Amino acid sequence: MFNLKIIKTMVTIVDYKKYQRENGESFYALEVQGGIESVKSKETGKTYFTARTTKVPCTFTEPTCKALLGTQMPGTIKKVTVDPYEFTIRETGEIIKMSHRYEYLSEEESIVESNVLKNEMVY
């Protein structure tokens, strides 16, 4: 018998941004934010609260993006390991090295991800 784990999580559309492709066409991306989570600081060892955010490209016009602000939808934001890259912190100008990014998963993708066993090497 399977023990299916269903976790109902929501993300909220908190902002949007206009981008331009290399060919000059523009498009929008919605910034979605997950729920509150507690994290322990590597520097101080103290706990603080944060929320994961990511941008998801869309086909909407700016008025539609603006109207969608505050909308909640099923899904979650997952931390994904990537090749290291440099990132500049806007507020301080500090350049840091990152090796992850955040990615939106729909409710269905989240259910599959949390219930499918990963391939493992067996010796």
PDB file of N, CA and C in Angstrom:
ATOM      1  N   MET A   1       0.840  -1.178   0.000  1.00  0.00           N
ATOM      2  CA  MET A   1       0.000   0.000   0.000  1.00  0.00           C
ATOM      3  C   MET A   1       0.890   1.249   0.000  1.00  0.00           C
ATOM      4  N   PHE A   2       0.510   2.236  -0.787  1.00  0.00           N
ATOM      5  CA  PHE A   2       1.258   3.475  -0.868  1.00  0.00           C
ATOM      6  C   PHE A   2       0.752   4.472   0.158  1.00  0.00           C
ATOM      7  N   ASN A   3       1.668   5.271   0.663  1.00  0.00           N
ATOM      8  CA  ASN A   3       1.314   6.327   1.594  1.00  0.00           C
ATOM      9  C   ASN A   3       1.534   7.645   0.867  1.00  0.00           C
ATOM     10  N   LEU A   4       0.529   8.119   0.142  1.00  0.00           N
ATOM     11  CA  LEU A   4       0.645   9.337  -0.655  1.00  0.00           C
ATOM     12  C   LEU A   4       0.626  10.553   0.257  1.00  0.00           C
ATOM     13  N   LYS A   5       1.661  11.386   0.133  1.00  0.00           N
ATOM     14  CA  LYS A   5       1.802  12.579   0.954  1.00  0.00           C
ATOM     15  C   LYS A   5       1.348  13.784   0.139  1.00  0.00           C
ATOM     16  N   ILE A   6       0.256  14.417   0.533  1.00  0.00           N
ATOM     17  CA  ILE A   6      -0.245  15.594  -0.171  1.00  0.00           C
ATOM     18  C   ILE A   6      -0.091  16.793   0.748  1.00  0.00           C
ATOM     19  N   ILE A   7       0.697  17.745   0.282  1.00  0.00           N
ATOM     20  CA  ILE A   7       0.945  18.954   1.055  1.00  0.00           C
ATOM     21  C   ILE A   7       0.325  20.117   0.295  1.00  0.00           C
ATOM     22  N   LYS A   8      -0.663  20.757   0.877  1.00  0.00           N
ATOM     23  CA  LYS A   8      -1.359  21.863   0.228  1.00  0.00           C
ATOM     24  C   LYS A   8      -0.619  23.158   0.558  1.00  0.00           C
ATOM     25  N   THR A   9       0.111  23.690  -0.414  1.00  0.00           N
ATOM     26  CA  THR A   9       0.823  24.946  -0.202  1.00  0.00           C
ATOM     27  C   THR A   9       0.387  25.956  -1.246  1.00  0.00           C
ATOM     28  N   MET A  10       0.578  27.209  -0.916  1.00  0.00           N
ATOM     29  CA  MET A  10       0.163  28.286  -1.810  1.00  0.00           C
ATOM     30  C   MET A  10       1.316  29.257  -2.007  1.00  0.00           C
ATOM     31  N   VAL A  11       1.316  29.914  -3.166  1.00  0.00           N
ATOM     32  CA  VAL A  11       2.219  31.027  -3.413  1.00  0.00           C
ATOM     33  C   VAL A  11       1.352  32.248  -3.697  1.00  0.00           C
ATOM     34  N   THR A  12       1.935  33.416  -3.493  1.00  0.00           N
ATOM     35  CA  THR A  12       1.228  34.670  -3.724  1.00  0.00           C
ATOM     36  C   THR A  12       1.980  35.487  -4.765  1.00  0.00           C
ATOM     37  N   ILE A  13       1.262  36.055  -5.721  1.00  0.00           N
ATOM     38  CA  ILE A  13       1.869  36.949  -6.708  1.00  0.00           C
ATOM     39  C   ILE A  13       2.101  38.284  -6.011  1.00  0.00           C
ATOM     40  N   VAL A  14       3.381  38.677  -5.866  1.00  0.00           N
ATOM     41  CA  VAL A  14       3.709  39.879  -5.100  1.00  0.00           C
ATOM     42  C   VAL A  14       4.228  41.028  -5.960  1.00  0.00           C
ATOM     43  N   ASP A  15       4.634  40.740  -7.197  1.00  0.00           N
ATOM     44  CA  ASP A  15       5.177  41.793  -8.060  1.00  0.00           C
ATOM     45  C   ASP A  15       5.268  41.259  -9.483  1.00  0.00           C
ATOM     46  N   TYR A  16       5.650  42.120 -10.407  1.00  0.00           N
ATOM     47  CA  TYR A  16       5.905  41.708 -11.783  1.00  0.00           C
ATOM     48  C   TYR A  16       7.010  42.585 -12.342  1.00  0.00           C
ATOM     49  N   LYS A  17       7.658  42.105 -13.386  1.00  0.00           N
ATOM     50  CA  LYS A  17       8.750  42.866 -13.984  1.00  0.00           C
ATOM     51  C   LYS A  17       8.732  42.668 -15.496  1.00  0.00           C
ATOM     52  N   LYS A  18       9.071  43.718 -16.218  1.00  0.00           N
ATOM     53  CA  LYS A  18       9.135  43.674 -17.677  1.00  0.00           C
ATOM     54  C   LYS A  18      10.564  43.323 -18.099  1.00  0.00           C
ATOM     55  N   TYR A  19      10.687  42.403 -19.050  1.00  0.00           N
ATOM     56  CA  TYR A  19      11.983  41.990 -19.581  1.00  0.00           C
ATOM     57  C   TYR A  19      11.976  42.156 -21.094  1.00  0.00           C
ATOM     58  N   GLN A  20      13.174  42.201 -21.673  1.00  0.00           N
ATOM     59  CA  GLN A  20      13.286  42.306 -23.124  1.00  0.00           C
ATOM     60  C   GLN A  20      14.157  41.173 -23.651  1.00  0.00           C
ATOM     61  N   ARG A  21      13.652  40.487 -24.675  1.00  0.00           N
ATOM     62  CA  ARG A  21      14.410  39.415 -25.318  1.00  0.00           C
ATOM     63  C   ARG A  21      15.480  40.026 -26.216  1.00  0.00           C
ATOM     64  N   GLU A  22      16.424  39.181 -26.660  1.00  0.00           N
ATOM     65  CA  GLU A  22      17.492  39.648 -27.548  1.00  0.00           C
ATOM     66  C   GLU A  22      16.943  40.216 -28.854  1.00  0.00           C
ATOM     67  N   ASN A  23      15.790  39.706 -29.315  1.00  0.00           N
ATOM     68  CA  ASN A  23      15.210  40.189 -30.576  1.00  0.00           C
ATOM     69  C   ASN A  23      14.401  41.477 -30.393  1.00  0.00           C
ATOM     70  N   GLY A  24      14.383  42.030 -29.190  1.00  0.00           N
ATOM     71  CA  GLY A  24      13.701  43.289 -28.929  1.00  0.00           C
ATOM     72  C   GLY A  24      12.290  43.143 -28.380  1.00  0.00           C
ATOM     73  N   GLU A  25      11.695  41.965 -28.478  1.00  0.00           N
ATOM     74  CA  GLU A  25      10.359  41.745 -27.935  1.00  0.00           C
ATOM     75  C   GLU A  25      10.401  41.822 -26.411  1.00  0.00           C
ATOM     76  N   SER A  26       9.326  42.339 -25.836  1.00  0.00           N
ATOM     77  CA  SER A  26       9.276  42.398 -24.372  1.00  0.00           C
ATOM     78  C   SER A  26       8.229  41.418 -23.852  1.00  0.00           C
ATOM     79  N   PHE A  27       8.407  41.026 -22.609  1.00  0.00           N
ATOM     80  CA  PHE A  27       7.467  40.134 -21.936  1.00  0.00           C
ATOM     81  C   PHE A  27       7.533  40.426 -20.448  1.00  0.00           C
ATOM     82  N   TYR A  28       6.573  39.883 -19.720  1.00  0.00           N
ATOM     83  CA  TYR A  28       6.517  40.092 -18.272  1.00  0.00           C
ATOM     84  C   TYR A  28       6.765  38.781 -17.533  1.00  0.00           C
ATOM     85  N   ALA A  29       7.230  38.917 -16.311  1.00  0.00           N
ATOM     86  CA  ALA A  29       7.381  37.780 -15.409  1.00  0.00           C
ATOM     87  C   ALA A  29       6.710  38.158 -14.094  1.00  0.00           C
ATOM     88  N   LEU A  30       5.956  37.227 -13.542  1.00  0.00           N
ATOM     89  CA  LEU A  30       5.315  37.442 -12.246  1.00  0.00           C
ATOM     90  C   LEU A  30       6.254  36.975 -11.147  1.00  0.00           C
ATOM     91  N   GLU A  31       6.398  37.779 -10.103  1.00  0.00           N
ATOM     92  CA  GLU A  31       7.192  37.362  -8.948  1.00  0.00           C
ATOM     93  C   GLU A  31       6.244  36.704  -7.967  1.00  0.00           C
ATOM     94  N   VAL A  32       6.524  35.429  -7.654  1.00  0.00           N
ATOM     95  CA  VAL A  32       5.691  34.693  -6.706  1.00  0.00           C
ATOM     96  C   VAL A  32       6.482  34.438  -5.431  1.00  0.00           C
ATOM     97  N   GLN A  33       5.776  34.432  -4.321  1.00  0.00           N
ATOM     98  CA  GLN A  33       6.409  34.263  -3.010  1.00  0.00           C
ATOM     99  C   GLN A  33       5.705  33.151  -2.245  1.00  0.00           C
ATOM    100  N   GLY A  34       6.514  32.267  -1.654  1.00  0.00           N
ATOM    101  CA  GLY A  34       5.974  31.175  -0.846  1.00  0.00           C
ATOM    102  C   GLY A  34       5.649  31.645   0.555  1.00  0.00           C
ATOM    103  N   GLY A  35       5.284  30.709   1.386  1.00  0.00           N
ATOM    104  CA  GLY A  35       4.928  31.020   2.771  1.00  0.00           C
ATOM    105  C   GLY A  35       6.146  31.316   3.626  1.00  0.00           C
ATOM    106  N   ILE A  36       5.888  31.761   4.814  1.00  0.00           N
ATOM    107  CA  ILE A  36       6.939  32.119   5.764  1.00  0.00           C
ATOM    108  C   ILE A  36       7.685  30.856   6.205  1.00  0.00           C
ATOM    109  N   GLU A  37       8.989  30.975   6.363  1.00  0.00           N
ATOM    110  CA  GLU A  37       9.791  29.875   6.901  1.00  0.00           C
ATOM    111  C   GLU A  37      10.867  30.442   7.819  1.00  0.00           C
ATOM    112  N   SER A  38      11.253  29.646   8.799  1.00  0.00           N
ATOM    113  CA  SER A  38      12.310  30.084   9.710  1.00  0.00           C
ATOM    114  C   SER A  38      13.634  29.499   9.241  1.00  0.00           C
ATOM    115  N   VAL A  39      14.682  30.316   9.340  1.00  0.00           N
ATOM    116  CA  VAL A  39      16.019  29.936   8.898  1.00  0.00           C
ATOM    117  C   VAL A  39      17.002  30.337   9.983  1.00  0.00           C
ATOM    118  N   LYS A  40      18.020  29.516  10.194  1.00  0.00           N
ATOM    119  CA  LYS A  40      19.059  29.839  11.168  1.00  0.00           C
ATOM    120  C   LYS A  40      20.231  30.489  10.435  1.00  0.00           C
ATOM    121  N   SER A  41      20.649  31.657  10.892  1.00  0.00           N
ATOM    122  CA  SER A  41      21.753  32.395  10.284  1.00  0.00           C
ATOM    123  C   SER A  41      23.065  31.644  10.459  1.00  0.00           C
ATOM    124  N   LYS A  42      23.823  31.515   9.364  1.00  0.00           N
ATOM    125  CA  LYS A  42      25.150  30.886   9.440  1.00  0.00           C
ATOM    126  C   LYS A  42      26.134  31.797  10.179  1.00  0.00           C
ATOM    127  N   GLU A  43      25.893  33.099  10.108  1.00  0.00           N
ATOM    128  CA  GLU A  43      26.781  34.080  10.743  1.00  0.00           C
ATOM    129  C   GLU A  43      26.578  34.158  12.251  1.00  0.00           C
ATOM    130  N   THR A  44      25.304  34.342  12.667  1.00  0.00           N
ATOM    131  CA  THR A  44      25.026  34.607  14.082  1.00  0.00           C
ATOM    132  C   THR A  44      24.439  33.406  14.830  1.00  0.00           C
ATOM    133  N   GLY A  45      23.917  32.423  14.081  1.00  0.00           N
ATOM    134  CA  GLY A  45      23.274  31.282  14.717  1.00  0.00           C
ATOM    135  C   GLY A  45      21.855  31.575  15.183  1.00  0.00           C
ATOM    136  N   LYS A  46      21.384  32.805  14.954  1.00  0.00           N
ATOM    137  CA  LYS A  46      20.035  33.193  15.371  1.00  0.00           C
ATOM    138  C   LYS A  46      19.029  32.864  14.270  1.00  0.00           C
ATOM    139  N   THR A  47      17.800  32.640  14.694  1.00  0.00           N
ATOM    140  CA  THR A  47      16.719  32.330  13.764  1.00  0.00           C
ATOM    141  C   THR A  47      16.095  33.618  13.236  1.00  0.00           C
ATOM    142  N   TYR A  48      15.766  33.618  11.947  1.00  0.00           N
ATOM    143  CA  TYR A  48      15.032  34.731  11.349  1.00  0.00           C
ATOM    144  C   TYR A  48      13.991  34.161  10.402  1.00  0.00           C
ATOM    145  N   PHE A  49      13.012  34.983  10.032  1.00  0.00           N
ATOM    146  CA  PHE A  49      11.962  34.561   9.113  1.00  0.00           C
ATOM    147  C   PHE A  49      12.229  35.095   7.721  1.00  0.00           C
ATOM    148  N   THR A  50      11.866  34.296   6.725  1.00  0.00           N
ATOM    149  CA  THR A  50      12.020  34.704   5.335  1.00  0.00           C
ATOM    150  C   THR A  50      10.948  34.013   4.507  1.00  0.00           C
ATOM    151  N   ALA A  51      10.892  34.321   3.241  1.00  0.00           N
ATOM    152  CA  ALA A  51       9.993  33.653   2.308  1.00  0.00           C
ATOM    153  C   ALA A  51      10.717  33.554   0.967  1.00  0.00           C
ATOM    154  N   ARG A  52      10.642  32.391   0.351  1.00  0.00           N
ATOM    155  CA  ARG A  52      11.289  32.193  -0.942  1.00  0.00           C
ATOM    156  C   ARG A  52      10.496  32.908  -2.030  1.00  0.00           C
ATOM    157  N   THR A  53      11.206  33.513  -2.972  1.00  0.00           N
ATOM    158  CA  THR A  53      10.561  34.164  -4.102  1.00  0.00           C
ATOM    159  C   THR A  53      11.252  33.725  -5.390  1.00  0.00           C
ATOM    160  N   THR A  54      10.514  33.775  -6.477  1.00  0.00           N
ATOM    161  CA  THR A  54      11.073  33.515  -7.800  1.00  0.00           C
ATOM    162  C   THR A  54      10.213  34.219  -8.831  1.00  0.00           C
ATOM    163  N   LYS A  55      10.754  34.390 -10.014  1.00  0.00           N
ATOM    164  CA  LYS A  55      10.005  35.011 -11.110  1.00  0.00           C
ATOM    165  C   LYS A  55       9.619  33.938 -12.119  1.00  0.00           C
ATOM    166  N   VAL A  56       8.380  34.023 -12.616  1.00  0.00           N
ATOM    167  CA  VAL A  56       7.862  33.060 -13.583  1.00  0.00           C
ATOM    168  C   VAL A  56       7.398  33.838 -14.819  1.00  0.00           C
ATOM    169  N   PRO A  57       8.001  33.577 -15.986  1.00  0.00           N
ATOM    170  CA  PRO A  57       7.573  34.271 -17.210  1.00  0.00           C
ATOM    171  C   PRO A  57       6.091  34.004 -17.491  1.00  0.00           C
ATOM    172  N   CYS A  58       5.436  34.974 -18.117  1.00  0.00           N
ATOM    173  CA  CYS A  58       4.018  34.814 -18.442  1.00  0.00           C
ATOM    174  C   CYS A  58       3.704  35.502 -19.769  1.00  0.00           C
ATOM    175  N   THR A  59       2.507  35.289 -20.261  1.00  0.00           N
ATOM    176  CA  THR A  59       2.079  35.896 -21.527  1.00  0.00           C
ATOM    177  C   THR A  59       1.135  37.068 -21.296  1.00  0.00           C
ATOM    178  N   PHE A  60       0.999  37.519 -20.057  1.00  0.00           N
ATOM    179  CA  PHE A  60       0.037  38.563 -19.716  1.00  0.00           C
ATOM    180  C   PHE A  60       0.537  39.957 -20.088  1.00  0.00           C
ATOM    181  N   THR A  61      -0.405  40.862 -20.258  1.00  0.00           N
ATOM    182  CA  THR A  61      -0.092  42.274 -20.466  1.00  0.00           C
ATOM    183  C   THR A  61       0.181  42.921 -19.109  1.00  0.00           C
ATOM    184  N   GLU A  62       0.724  44.120 -19.124  1.00  0.00           N
ATOM    185  CA  GLU A  62       0.997  44.801 -17.857  1.00  0.00           C
ATOM    186  C   GLU A  62      -0.269  45.023 -17.030  1.00  0.00           C
ATOM    187  N   PRO A  63      -1.393  45.466 -17.631  1.00  0.00           N
ATOM    188  CA  PRO A  63      -2.600  45.632 -16.805  1.00  0.00           C
ATOM    189  C   PRO A  63      -3.046  44.317 -16.139  1.00  0.00           C
ATOM    190  N   THR A  64      -2.902  43.203 -16.842  1.00  0.00           N
ATOM    191  CA  THR A  64      -3.271  41.909 -16.255  1.00  0.00           C
ATOM    192  C   THR A  64      -2.324  41.567 -15.114  1.00  0.00           C
ATOM    193  N   CYS A  65      -1.011  41.764 -15.319  1.00  0.00           N
ATOM    194  CA  CYS A  65      -0.037  41.508 -14.252  1.00  0.00           C
ATOM    195  C   CYS A  65      -0.378  42.333 -13.012  1.00  0.00           C
ATOM    196  N   LYS A  66      -0.683  43.596 -13.222  1.00  0.00           N
ATOM    197  CA  LYS A  66      -1.012  44.485 -12.106  1.00  0.00           C
ATOM    198  C   LYS A  66      -2.267  44.000 -11.380  1.00  0.00           C
ATOM    199  N   ALA A  67      -3.272  43.553 -12.147  1.00  0.00           N
ATOM    200  CA  ALA A  67      -4.521  43.080 -11.553  1.00  0.00           C
ATOM    201  C   ALA A  67      -4.322  41.784 -10.766  1.00  0.00           C
ATOM    202  N   LEU A  68      -3.307  41.002 -11.115  1.00  0.00           N
ATOM    203  CA  LEU A  68      -3.065  39.723 -10.451  1.00  0.00           C
ATOM    204  C   LEU A  68      -2.314  39.855  -9.121  1.00  0.00           C
ATOM    205  N   LEU A  69      -1.763  41.031  -8.818  1.00  0.00           N
ATOM    206  CA  LEU A  69      -1.030  41.208  -7.559  1.00  0.00           C
ATOM    207  C   LEU A  69      -1.917  40.822  -6.381  1.00  0.00           C
ATOM    208  N   GLY A  70      -1.374  40.001  -5.482  1.00  0.00           N
ATOM    209  CA  GLY A  70      -2.111  39.543  -4.312  1.00  0.00           C
ATOM    210  C   GLY A  70      -2.827  38.215  -4.527  1.00  0.00           C
ATOM    211  N   THR A  71      -2.902  37.764  -5.778  1.00  0.00           N
ATOM    212  CA  THR A  71      -3.566  36.491  -6.067  1.00  0.00           C
ATOM    213  C   THR A  71      -2.769  35.327  -5.495  1.00  0.00           C
ATOM    214  N   GLN A  72      -3.471  34.404  -4.865  1.00  0.00           N
ATOM    215  CA  GLN A  72      -2.826  33.196  -4.359  1.00  0.00           C
ATOM    216  C   GLN A  72      -3.174  32.036  -5.275  1.00  0.00           C
ATOM    217  N   MET A  73      -2.206  31.140  -5.442  1.00  0.00           N
ATOM    218  CA  MET A  73      -2.435  29.963  -6.267  1.00  0.00           C
ATOM    219  C   MET A  73      -1.689  28.780  -5.682  1.00  0.00           C
ATOM    220  N   PRO A  74      -2.175  27.561  -5.945  1.00  0.00           N
ATOM    221  CA  PRO A  74      -1.522  26.369  -5.412  1.00  0.00           C
ATOM    222  C   PRO A  74      -0.125  26.202  -5.993  1.00  0.00           C
ATOM    223  N   GLY A  75       0.800  25.774  -5.174  1.00  0.00           N
ATOM    224  CA  GLY A  75       2.162  25.528  -5.628  1.00  0.00           C
ATOM    225  C   GLY A  75       3.153  25.807  -4.523  1.00  0.00           C
ATOM    226  N   THR A  76       4.414  25.638  -4.855  1.00  0.00           N
ATOM    227  CA  THR A  76       5.484  25.849  -3.886  1.00  0.00           C
ATOM    228  C   THR A  76       6.714  26.358  -4.612  1.00  0.00           C
ATOM    229  N   ILE A  77       7.684  26.855  -3.861  1.00  0.00           N
ATOM    230  CA  ILE A  77       8.942  27.318  -4.433  1.00  0.00           C
ATOM    231  C   ILE A  77      10.048  26.444  -3.888  1.00  0.00           C
ATOM    232  N   LYS A  78      10.789  25.830  -4.804  1.00  0.00           N
ATOM    233  CA  LYS A  78      11.819  24.852  -4.452  1.00  0.00           C
ATOM    234  C   LYS A  78      13.212  25.435  -4.705  1.00  0.00           C
ATOM    235  N   LYS A  79      14.145  25.099  -3.819  1.00  0.00           N
ATOM    236  CA  LYS A  79      15.550  25.482  -3.985  1.00  0.00           C
ATOM    237  C   LYS A  79      16.210  24.458  -4.911  1.00  0.00           C
ATOM    238  N   VAL A  80      16.853  24.927  -5.989  1.00  0.00           N
ATOM    239  CA  VAL A  80      17.471  24.055  -6.985  1.00  0.00           C
ATOM    240  C   VAL A  80      18.961  24.363  -7.067  1.00  0.00           C
ATOM    241  N   THR A  81      19.800  23.335  -7.007  1.00  0.00           N
ATOM    242  CA  THR A  81      21.247  23.507  -7.127  1.00  0.00           C
ATOM    243  C   THR A  81      21.604  23.745  -8.589  1.00  0.00           C
ATOM    244  N   VAL A  82      22.457  24.749  -8.834  1.00  0.00           N
ATOM    245  CA  VAL A  82      22.908  25.092 -10.185  1.00  0.00           C
ATOM    246  C   VAL A  82      24.416  25.323 -10.161  1.00  0.00           C
ATOM    247  N   ASP A  83      25.022  25.476 -11.335  1.00  0.00           N
ATOM    248  CA  ASP A  83      26.438  25.816 -11.408  1.00  0.00           C
ATOM    249  C   ASP A  83      26.659  27.160 -10.707  1.00  0.00           C
ATOM    250  N   PRO A  84      27.775  27.321  -9.994  1.00  0.00           N
ATOM    251  CA  PRO A  84      28.041  28.574  -9.271  1.00  0.00           C
ATOM    252  C   PRO A  84      28.035  29.789 -10.211  1.00  0.00           C
ATOM    253  N   TYR A  85      27.513  30.891  -9.693  1.00  0.00           N
ATOM    254  CA  TYR A  85      27.472  32.154 -10.438  1.00  0.00           C
ATOM    255  C   TYR A  85      27.606  33.305  -9.447  1.00  0.00           C
ATOM    256  N   GLU A  86      27.973  34.480  -9.962  1.00  0.00           N
ATOM    257  CA  GLU A  86      28.107  35.657  -9.101  1.00  0.00           C
ATOM    258  C   GLU A  86      26.793  36.432  -9.082  1.00  0.00           C
ATOM    259  N   PHE A  87      26.480  36.984  -7.916  1.00  0.00           N
ATOM    260  CA  PHE A  87      25.249  37.741  -7.720  1.00  0.00           C
ATOM    261  C   PHE A  87      25.588  39.015  -6.953  1.00  0.00           C
ATOM    262  N   THR A  88      25.079  40.145  -7.405  1.00  0.00           N
ATOM    263  CA  THR A  88      25.323  41.418  -6.731  1.00  0.00           C
ATOM    264  C   THR A  88      24.120  41.776  -5.868  1.00  0.00           C
ATOM    265  N   ILE A  89      24.370  42.009  -4.577  1.00  0.00           N
ATOM    266  CA  ILE A  89      23.312  42.436  -3.664  1.00  0.00           C
ATOM    267  C   ILE A  89      23.052  43.915  -3.939  1.00  0.00           C
ATOM    268  N   ARG A  90      21.832  44.222  -4.397  1.00  0.00           N
ATOM    269  CA  ARG A  90      21.496  45.585  -4.825  1.00  0.00           C
ATOM    270  C   ARG A  90      21.749  46.635  -3.747  1.00  0.00           C
ATOM    271  N   GLU A  91      21.334  46.329  -2.524  1.00  0.00           N
ATOM    272  CA  GLU A  91      21.407  47.318  -1.450  1.00  0.00           C
ATOM    273  C   GLU A  91      22.842  47.673  -1.064  1.00  0.00           C
ATOM    274  N   THR A  92      23.759  46.704  -1.116  1.00  0.00           N
ATOM    275  CA  THR A  92      25.122  46.939  -0.639  1.00  0.00           C
ATOM    276  C   THR A  92      26.166  46.970  -1.750  1.00  0.00           C
ATOM    277  N   GLY A  93      25.827  46.419  -2.925  1.00  0.00           N
ATOM    278  CA  GLY A  93      26.795  46.329  -4.006  1.00  0.00           C
ATOM    279  C   GLY A  93      27.753  45.151  -3.836  1.00  0.00           C
ATOM    280  N   GLU A  94      27.604  44.397  -2.744  1.00  0.00           N
ATOM    281  CA  GLU A  94      28.468  43.251  -2.483  1.00  0.00           C
ATOM    282  C   GLU A  94      28.209  42.154  -3.520  1.00  0.00           C
ATOM    283  N   ILE A  95      29.292  41.561  -4.020  1.00  0.00           N
ATOM    284  CA  ILE A  95      29.188  40.463  -4.979  1.00  0.00           C
ATOM    285  C   ILE A  95      29.427  39.160  -4.229  1.00  0.00           C
ATOM    286  N   ILE A  96      28.450  38.253  -4.323  1.00  0.00           N
ATOM    287  CA  ILE A  96      28.568  36.972  -3.645  1.00  0.00           C
ATOM    288  C   ILE A  96      28.454  35.844  -4.673  1.00  0.00           C
ATOM    289  N   LYS A  97      28.960  34.683  -4.306  1.00  0.00           N
ATOM    290  CA  LYS A  97      28.871  33.514  -5.179  1.00  0.00           C
ATOM    291  C   LYS A  97      27.670  32.681  -4.739  1.00  0.00           C
ATOM    292  N   MET A  98      26.830  32.329  -5.703  1.00  0.00           N
ATOM    293  CA  MET A  98      25.631  31.540  -5.426  1.00  0.00           C
ATOM    294  C   MET A  98      25.737  30.217  -6.172  1.00  0.00           C
ATOM    295  N   SER A  99      25.100  29.171  -5.627  1.00  0.00           N
ATOM    296  CA  SER A  99      25.075  27.882  -6.314  1.00  0.00           C
ATOM    297  C   SER A  99      23.671  27.282  -6.271  1.00  0.00           C
ATOM    298  N   HIS A 100      22.665  28.163  -6.128  1.00  0.00           N
ATOM    299  CA  HIS A 100      21.279  27.709  -6.163  1.00  0.00           C
ATOM    300  C   HIS A 100      20.400  28.818  -6.723  1.00  0.00           C
ATOM    301  N   ARG A 101      19.218  28.433  -7.107  1.00  0.00           N
ATOM    302  CA  ARG A 101      18.181  29.386  -7.495  1.00  0.00           C
ATOM    303  C   ARG A 101      16.863  28.803  -7.018  1.00  0.00           C
ATOM    304  N   TYR A 102      15.813  29.576  -7.091  1.00  0.00           N
ATOM    305  CA  TYR A 102      14.499  29.099  -6.673  1.00  0.00           C
ATOM    306  C   TYR A 102      13.612  28.931  -7.902  1.00  0.00           C
ATOM    307  N   GLU A 103      12.744  27.921  -7.851  1.00  0.00           N
ATOM    308  CA  GLU A 103      11.918  27.559  -8.991  1.00  0.00           C
ATOM    309  C   GLU A 103      10.499  27.263  -8.498  1.00  0.00           C
ATOM    310  N   TYR A 104       9.509  27.761  -9.226  1.00  0.00           N
ATOM    311  CA  TYR A 104       8.106  27.501  -8.881  1.00  0.00           C
ATOM    312  C   TYR A 104       7.709  26.101  -9.334  1.00  0.00           C
ATOM    313  N   LEU A 105       7.019  25.365  -8.477  1.00  0.00           N
ATOM    314  CA  LEU A 105       6.450  24.065  -8.824  1.00  0.00           C
ATOM    315  C   LEU A 105       4.939  24.154  -8.634  1.00  0.00           C
ATOM    316  N   SER A 106       4.180  23.724  -9.645  1.00  0.00           N
ATOM    317  CA  SER A 106       2.725  23.693  -9.503  1.00  0.00           C
ATOM    318  C   SER A 106       2.351  22.687  -8.426  1.00  0.00           C
ATOM    319  N   GLU A 107       1.110  22.698  -8.023  1.00  0.00           N
ATOM    320  CA  GLU A 107       0.644  21.761  -7.001  1.00  0.00           C
ATOM    321  C   GLU A 107       0.885  20.316  -7.447  1.00  0.00           C
ATOM    322  N   GLU A 108       0.596  20.014  -8.728  1.00  0.00           N
ATOM    323  CA  GLU A 108       0.778  18.659  -9.246  1.00  0.00           C
ATOM    324  C   GLU A 108       2.255  18.259  -9.223  1.00  0.00           C
ATOM    325  N   GLU A 109       3.133  19.153  -9.675  1.00  0.00           N
ATOM    326  CA  GLU A 109       4.571  18.860  -9.676  1.00  0.00           C
ATOM    327  C   GLU A 109       5.083  18.641  -8.256  1.00  0.00           C
ATOM    328  N   SER A 110       4.564  19.419  -7.328  1.00  0.00           N
ATOM    329  CA  SER A 110       4.974  19.304  -5.929  1.00  0.00           C
ATOM    330  C   SER A 110       4.559  17.955  -5.346  1.00  0.00           C
ATOM    331  N   ILE A 111       3.358  17.489  -5.684  1.00  0.00           N
ATOM    332  CA  ILE A 111       2.879  16.187  -5.199  1.00  0.00           C
ATOM    333  C   ILE A 111       3.756  15.075  -5.748  1.00  0.00           C
ATOM    334  N   VAL A 112       4.050  15.129  -7.060  1.00  0.00           N
ATOM    335  CA  VAL A 112       4.892  14.109  -7.677  1.00  0.00           C
ATOM    336  C   VAL A 112       6.280  14.128  -7.043  1.00  0.00           C
ATOM    337  N   GLU A 113       6.857  15.324  -6.897  1.00  0.00           N
ATOM    338  CA  GLU A 113       8.206  15.466  -6.334  1.00  0.00           C
ATOM    339  C   GLU A 113       8.307  14.883  -4.928  1.00  0.00           C
ATOM    340  N   SER A 114       7.283  15.100  -4.116  1.00  0.00           N
ATOM    341  CA  SER A 114       7.358  14.632  -2.725  1.00  0.00           C
ATOM    342  C   SER A 114       6.966  13.164  -2.558  1.00  0.00           C
ATOM    343  N   ASN A 115       6.495  12.513  -3.625  1.00  0.00           N
ATOM    344  CA  ASN A 115       6.048  11.132  -3.504  1.00  0.00           C
ATOM    345  C   ASN A 115       6.774  10.134  -4.409  1.00  0.00           C
ATOM    346  N   VAL A 116       7.655  10.605  -5.276  1.00  0.00           N
ATOM    347  CA  VAL A 116       8.384   9.708  -6.169  1.00  0.00           C
ATOM    348  C   VAL A 116       9.782   9.492  -5.603  1.00  0.00           C
ATOM    349  N   LEU A 117      10.205   8.249  -5.547  1.00  0.00           N
ATOM    350  CA  LEU A 117      11.535   7.928  -5.046  1.00  0.00           C
ATOM    351  C   LEU A 117      12.578   8.311  -6.080  1.00  0.00           C
ATOM    352  N   LYS A 118      13.681   8.865  -5.623  1.00  0.00           N
ATOM    353  CA  LYS A 118      14.784   9.245  -6.496  1.00  0.00           C
ATOM    354  C   LYS A 118      15.581   7.999  -6.872  1.00  0.00           C
ATOM    355  N   ASN A 119      16.197   8.021  -8.048  1.00  0.00           N
ATOM    356  CA  ASN A 119      17.090   6.929  -8.451  1.00  0.00           C
ATOM    357  C   ASN A 119      18.298   6.918  -7.536  1.00  0.00           C
ATOM    358  N   GLU A 120      18.688   5.764  -7.076  1.00  0.00           N
ATOM    359  CA  GLU A 120      19.861   5.655  -6.219  1.00  0.00           C
ATOM    360  C   GLU A 120      20.759   4.555  -6.755  1.00  0.00           C
ATOM    361  N   MET A 121      22.050   4.726  -6.603  1.00  0.00           N
ATOM    362  CA  MET A 121      23.006   3.710  -6.999  1.00  0.00           C
ATOM    363  C   MET A 121      23.046   2.629  -5.917  1.00  0.00           C
ATOM    364  N   VAL A 122      22.951   1.397  -6.339  1.00  0.00           N
ATOM    365  CA  VAL A 122      23.028   0.285  -5.398  1.00  0.00           C
ATOM    366  C   VAL A 122      24.271  -0.511  -5.735  1.00  0.00           C
ATOM    367  N   TYR A 123      25.084  -0.752  -4.745  1.00  0.00           N
ATOM    368  CA  TYR A 123      26.341  -1.485  -4.961  1.00  0.00           C
ATOM    369  C   TYR A 123      26.224  -2.899  -4.482  1.00  0.00           C
TER     370      TYR A 123
END
